[in-house]
Amino acid sequence: MKNIASLLLRLGLTSFAPATTRSATLQVKGWTCGACAAASKIALKKVDGVESVSTDTTKAEGVVTYDDSRATPQKLVEAVEKLGYKATLKAGSQAK
């Protein structure tokens, strides 16, 4: 890993940082049935860097595991909101 980092620095790629897997819980308003949650799950899985998604219709939540070098909480929220739902990041939900 040290040799790779050294090579990237010599090439001018100074923003090299190893990827970290994170988990975020999204609170979603507007889900009225299981199909709503399923559509959101499909949309979230299409975000580059998303590794897994689970949804809970009764809690109106989606838990997303993602590679933080390719995906961000904002991209996750945007993916759900493009479907017409209101999504917010649950406080304290991001963890390594």
N, C-alpha and C. Protein backbone atom coordinates (compact mmCIF):
# COMPACT_ATOMS: atom_id res chain seq x y z
N MET A 1 0.83 -1.19 0.00
CA MET A 1 0.00 0.00 0.00
C MET A 1 0.87 1.24 0.00
N LYS A 2 1.99 1.20 0.74
CA LYS A 2 2.88 2.34 0.81
C LYS A 2 3.45 2.67 -0.56
N ASN A 3 3.81 1.64 -1.35
CA ASN A 3 4.34 1.86 -2.69
C ASN A 3 3.31 2.48 -3.61
N ILE A 4 2.07 2.05 -3.48
CA ILE A 4 1.00 2.60 -4.31
C ILE A 4 0.78 4.07 -3.96
N ALA A 5 0.74 4.38 -2.68
CA ALA A 5 0.55 5.77 -2.25
C ALA A 5 1.70 6.64 -2.74
N SER A 6 2.92 6.13 -2.67
CA SER A 6 4.09 6.87 -3.14
C SER A 6 3.99 7.14 -4.64
N LEU A 7 3.58 6.15 -5.40
CA LEU A 7 3.42 6.31 -6.84
C LEU A 7 2.35 7.35 -7.15
N LEU A 8 1.24 7.29 -6.45
CA LEU A 8 0.17 8.26 -6.68
C LEU A 8 0.63 9.69 -6.38
N LEU A 9 1.42 9.84 -5.32
CA LEU A 9 1.96 11.16 -4.99
C LEU A 9 2.87 11.67 -6.09
N ARG A 10 3.71 10.79 -6.63
CA ARG A 10 4.62 11.20 -7.72
C ARG A 10 3.85 11.57 -8.98
N LEU A 11 2.70 10.97 -9.17
CA LEU A 11 1.87 11.29 -10.33
C LEU A 11 1.01 12.52 -10.11
N GLY A 12 1.09 13.08 -8.92
CA GLY A 12 0.31 14.28 -8.62
C GLY A 12 -1.08 13.99 -8.11
N LEU A 13 -1.35 12.78 -7.76
CA LEU A 13 -2.66 12.41 -7.24
C LEU A 13 -2.60 12.42 -5.73
N THR A 14 -2.60 13.61 -5.17
CA THR A 14 -2.38 13.77 -3.73
C THR A 14 -3.62 13.53 -2.89
N SER A 15 -4.77 13.38 -3.52
CA SER A 15 -5.98 13.20 -2.72
C SER A 15 -6.31 11.72 -2.50
N PHE A 16 -5.30 10.87 -2.65
CA PHE A 16 -5.52 9.44 -2.44
C PHE A 16 -5.88 9.17 -0.99
N ALA A 17 -6.97 8.47 -0.81
CA ALA A 17 -7.37 8.04 0.53
C ALA A 17 -8.06 6.70 0.38
N PRO A 18 -7.72 5.76 1.24
CA PRO A 18 -8.39 4.46 1.13
C PRO A 18 -9.89 4.59 1.38
N ALA A 19 -10.64 3.76 0.69
CA ALA A 19 -12.09 3.79 0.84
C ALA A 19 -12.49 3.27 2.21
N THR A 20 -13.56 3.82 2.71
CA THR A 20 -14.12 3.38 3.98
C THR A 20 -15.56 3.00 3.74
N THR A 21 -15.95 1.86 4.25
CA THR A 21 -17.35 1.47 4.16
C THR A 21 -18.10 2.14 5.30
N ARG A 22 -19.18 2.79 4.95
CA ARG A 22 -20.01 3.49 5.93
C ARG A 22 -21.45 3.01 5.80
N SER A 23 -22.21 3.31 6.81
CA SER A 23 -23.62 2.98 6.82
C SER A 23 -24.40 4.25 7.15
N ALA A 24 -25.49 4.46 6.44
CA ALA A 24 -26.34 5.63 6.69
C ALA A 24 -27.79 5.17 6.74
N THR A 25 -28.54 5.76 7.64
CA THR A 25 -29.98 5.47 7.73
C THR A 25 -30.74 6.68 7.23
N LEU A 26 -31.59 6.46 6.26
CA LEU A 26 -32.42 7.52 5.70
C LEU A 26 -33.83 7.40 6.24
N GLN A 27 -34.37 8.51 6.72
CA GLN A 27 -35.79 8.60 7.09
C GLN A 27 -36.51 9.08 5.83
N VAL A 28 -37.58 8.40 5.46
CA VAL A 28 -38.27 8.74 4.22
C VAL A 28 -39.73 9.04 4.50
N LYS A 29 -40.19 10.18 4.00
CA LYS A 29 -41.61 10.55 4.11
C LYS A 29 -42.25 10.35 2.74
N GLY A 30 -43.44 9.76 2.76
CA GLY A 30 -44.17 9.58 1.52
C GLY A 30 -44.34 8.13 1.09
N TRP A 31 -43.66 7.21 1.75
CA TRP A 31 -43.88 5.81 1.44
C TRP A 31 -45.26 5.42 1.93
N THR A 32 -46.07 4.84 1.05
CA THR A 32 -47.40 4.41 1.45
C THR A 32 -47.57 2.89 1.38
N CYS A 33 -46.57 2.21 0.80
CA CYS A 33 -46.68 0.75 0.68
C CYS A 33 -45.29 0.14 0.43
N GLY A 34 -45.27 -1.16 0.36
CA GLY A 34 -44.01 -1.86 0.12
C GLY A 34 -43.40 -1.54 -1.24
N ALA A 35 -44.24 -1.22 -2.21
CA ALA A 35 -43.72 -0.87 -3.54
C ALA A 35 -42.91 0.42 -3.50
N CYS A 36 -43.32 1.35 -2.65
CA CYS A 36 -42.58 2.61 -2.49
C CYS A 36 -41.17 2.32 -1.96
N ALA A 37 -41.08 1.48 -0.95
CA ALA A 37 -39.79 1.12 -0.38
C ALA A 37 -38.95 0.35 -1.38
N ALA A 38 -39.60 -0.54 -2.14
CA ALA A 38 -38.89 -1.33 -3.15
C ALA A 38 -38.31 -0.44 -4.25
N ALA A 39 -39.08 0.55 -4.68
CA ALA A 39 -38.60 1.48 -5.71
C ALA A 39 -37.41 2.27 -5.19
N SER A 40 -37.47 2.68 -3.93
CA SER A 40 -36.37 3.43 -3.33
C SER A 40 -35.13 2.55 -3.22
N LYS A 41 -35.33 1.30 -2.87
CA LYS A 41 -34.21 0.35 -2.75
C LYS A 41 -33.51 0.19 -4.10
N ILE A 42 -34.27 0.06 -5.15
CA ILE A 42 -33.70 -0.07 -6.50
C ILE A 42 -32.92 1.19 -6.87
N ALA A 43 -33.49 2.35 -6.59
CA ALA A 43 -32.82 3.62 -6.91
C ALA A 43 -31.52 3.76 -6.13
N LEU A 44 -31.53 3.39 -4.87
CA LEU A 44 -30.32 3.49 -4.04
C LEU A 44 -29.24 2.54 -4.52
N LYS A 45 -29.62 1.34 -4.95
CA LYS A 45 -28.64 0.37 -5.43
C LYS A 45 -27.95 0.84 -6.71
N LYS A 46 -28.58 1.76 -7.43
CA LYS A 46 -28.00 2.29 -8.66
C LYS A 46 -26.95 3.37 -8.41
N VAL A 47 -26.88 3.88 -7.18
CA VAL A 47 -25.88 4.90 -6.85
C VAL A 47 -24.51 4.23 -6.81
N ASP A 48 -23.56 4.78 -7.55
CA ASP A 48 -22.21 4.22 -7.59
C ASP A 48 -21.62 4.19 -6.19
N GLY A 49 -21.15 3.02 -5.78
CA GLY A 49 -20.53 2.86 -4.48
C GLY A 49 -21.42 2.22 -3.44
N VAL A 50 -22.72 2.10 -3.73
CA VAL A 50 -23.62 1.46 -2.77
C VAL A 50 -23.38 -0.04 -2.79
N GLU A 51 -23.19 -0.60 -1.61
CA GLU A 51 -22.92 -2.02 -1.47
C GLU A 51 -24.17 -2.81 -1.10
N SER A 52 -25.01 -2.26 -0.22
CA SER A 52 -26.24 -2.95 0.15
C SER A 52 -27.28 -1.95 0.64
N VAL A 53 -28.53 -2.37 0.53
CA VAL A 53 -29.66 -1.53 0.97
C VAL A 53 -30.69 -2.43 1.62
N SER A 54 -31.20 -2.00 2.77
CA SER A 54 -32.35 -2.68 3.36
C SER A 54 -33.37 -1.59 3.70
N THR A 55 -34.63 -1.92 3.52
CA THR A 55 -35.68 -0.95 3.81
C THR A 55 -36.67 -1.55 4.80
N ASP A 56 -37.27 -0.66 5.57
CA ASP A 56 -38.30 -1.05 6.55
C ASP A 56 -39.47 -0.09 6.36
N THR A 57 -40.52 -0.59 5.72
CA THR A 57 -41.68 0.24 5.42
C THR A 57 -42.36 0.74 6.68
N THR A 58 -42.43 -0.08 7.71
CA THR A 58 -43.13 0.33 8.93
C THR A 58 -42.42 1.47 9.65
N LYS A 59 -41.10 1.51 9.57
CA LYS A 59 -40.32 2.59 10.18
C LYS A 59 -40.07 3.73 9.19
N ALA A 60 -40.38 3.50 7.92
CA ALA A 60 -40.08 4.45 6.84
C ALA A 60 -38.60 4.80 6.83
N GLU A 61 -37.78 3.74 6.87
CA GLU A 61 -36.32 3.91 6.89
C GLU A 61 -35.65 3.02 5.86
N GLY A 62 -34.52 3.49 5.39
CA GLY A 62 -33.66 2.69 4.54
C GLY A 62 -32.26 2.75 5.12
N VAL A 63 -31.61 1.61 5.24
CA VAL A 63 -30.24 1.55 5.73
C VAL A 63 -29.36 1.19 4.53
N VAL A 64 -28.36 2.05 4.28
CA VAL A 64 -27.52 1.90 3.11
C VAL A 64 -26.06 1.75 3.55
N THR A 65 -25.40 0.72 3.03
CA THR A 65 -23.97 0.55 3.24
C THR A 65 -23.29 0.95 1.94
N TYR A 66 -22.28 1.82 2.04
CA TYR A 66 -21.68 2.37 0.83
C TYR A 66 -20.19 2.64 1.02
N ASP A 67 -19.51 2.74 -0.09
CA ASP A 67 -18.08 3.08 -0.14
C ASP A 67 -18.01 4.60 -0.17
N ASP A 68 -17.43 5.20 0.87
CA ASP A 68 -17.47 6.67 0.96
C ASP A 68 -16.51 7.37 0.00
N SER A 69 -15.73 6.62 -0.76
CA SER A 69 -14.90 7.25 -1.78
C SER A 69 -15.68 7.44 -3.08
N ARG A 70 -16.85 6.79 -3.17
CA ARG A 70 -17.65 6.88 -4.40
C ARG A 70 -19.05 7.40 -4.17
N ALA A 71 -19.57 7.26 -2.99
CA ALA A 71 -20.94 7.72 -2.70
C ALA A 71 -20.92 8.64 -1.48
N THR A 72 -21.92 9.50 -1.40
CA THR A 72 -22.05 10.41 -0.26
C THR A 72 -23.48 10.34 0.26
N PRO A 73 -23.69 10.72 1.50
CA PRO A 73 -25.07 10.76 2.01
C PRO A 73 -25.98 11.63 1.13
N GLN A 74 -25.44 12.73 0.61
CA GLN A 74 -26.24 13.61 -0.24
C GLN A 74 -26.71 12.89 -1.50
N LYS A 75 -25.84 12.08 -2.10
CA LYS A 75 -26.24 11.32 -3.29
C LYS A 75 -27.33 10.31 -2.96
N LEU A 76 -27.27 9.74 -1.77
CA LEU A 76 -28.29 8.78 -1.35
C LEU A 76 -29.64 9.48 -1.20
N VAL A 77 -29.63 10.63 -0.54
CA VAL A 77 -30.86 11.41 -0.36
C VAL A 77 -31.43 11.80 -1.72
N GLU A 78 -30.58 12.27 -2.62
CA GLU A 78 -31.03 12.69 -3.94
C GLU A 78 -31.66 11.55 -4.73
N ALA A 79 -31.11 10.34 -4.59
CA ALA A 79 -31.65 9.19 -5.32
C ALA A 79 -33.09 8.90 -4.90
N VAL A 80 -33.37 9.03 -3.61
CA VAL A 80 -34.73 8.79 -3.11
C VAL A 80 -35.64 9.95 -3.48
N GLU A 81 -35.14 11.17 -3.39
CA GLU A 81 -35.97 12.34 -3.67
C GLU A 81 -36.34 12.45 -5.15
N LYS A 82 -35.52 11.88 -6.03
CA LYS A 82 -35.86 11.87 -7.46
C LYS A 82 -37.14 11.07 -7.72
N LEU A 83 -37.48 10.20 -6.79
CA LEU A 83 -38.71 9.41 -6.92
C LEU A 83 -39.92 10.14 -6.37
N GLY A 84 -39.71 11.31 -5.76
CA GLY A 84 -40.81 12.11 -5.24
C GLY A 84 -41.03 12.00 -3.75
N TYR A 85 -40.14 11.32 -3.04
CA TYR A 85 -40.24 11.20 -1.59
C TYR A 85 -39.32 12.22 -0.93
N LYS A 86 -39.57 12.51 0.32
CA LYS A 86 -38.72 13.40 1.10
C LYS A 86 -37.81 12.52 1.96
N ALA A 87 -36.51 12.66 1.79
CA ALA A 87 -35.56 11.83 2.54
C ALA A 87 -34.61 12.72 3.33
N THR A 88 -34.30 12.28 4.53
CA THR A 88 -33.31 12.96 5.36
C THR A 88 -32.41 11.92 6.00
N LEU A 89 -31.20 12.33 6.28
CA LEU A 89 -30.26 11.46 6.96
C LEU A 89 -30.59 11.46 8.45
N LYS A 90 -30.80 10.27 8.99
CA LYS A 90 -31.12 10.14 10.41
C LYS A 90 -29.90 10.58 11.23
N ALA A 91 -30.13 11.43 12.21
CA ALA A 91 -29.04 11.95 13.04
C ALA A 91 -28.22 10.81 13.63
N GLY A 92 -26.89 10.95 13.51
CA GLY A 92 -25.97 9.98 14.10
C GLY A 92 -25.93 8.65 13.38
N SER A 93 -26.42 8.59 12.15
CA SER A 93 -26.49 7.29 11.47
C SER A 93 -25.23 6.91 10.72
N GLN A 94 -24.33 7.84 10.47
CA GLN A 94 -23.12 7.50 9.74
C GLN A 94 -22.11 6.88 10.68
N ALA A 95 -21.63 5.72 10.29
CA ALA A 95 -20.64 5.03 11.11
C ALA A 95 -19.69 4.26 10.20
N LYS A 96 -18.50 3.99 10.72
CA LYS A 96 -17.54 3.19 9.95
C LYS A 96 -17.94 1.74 10.00
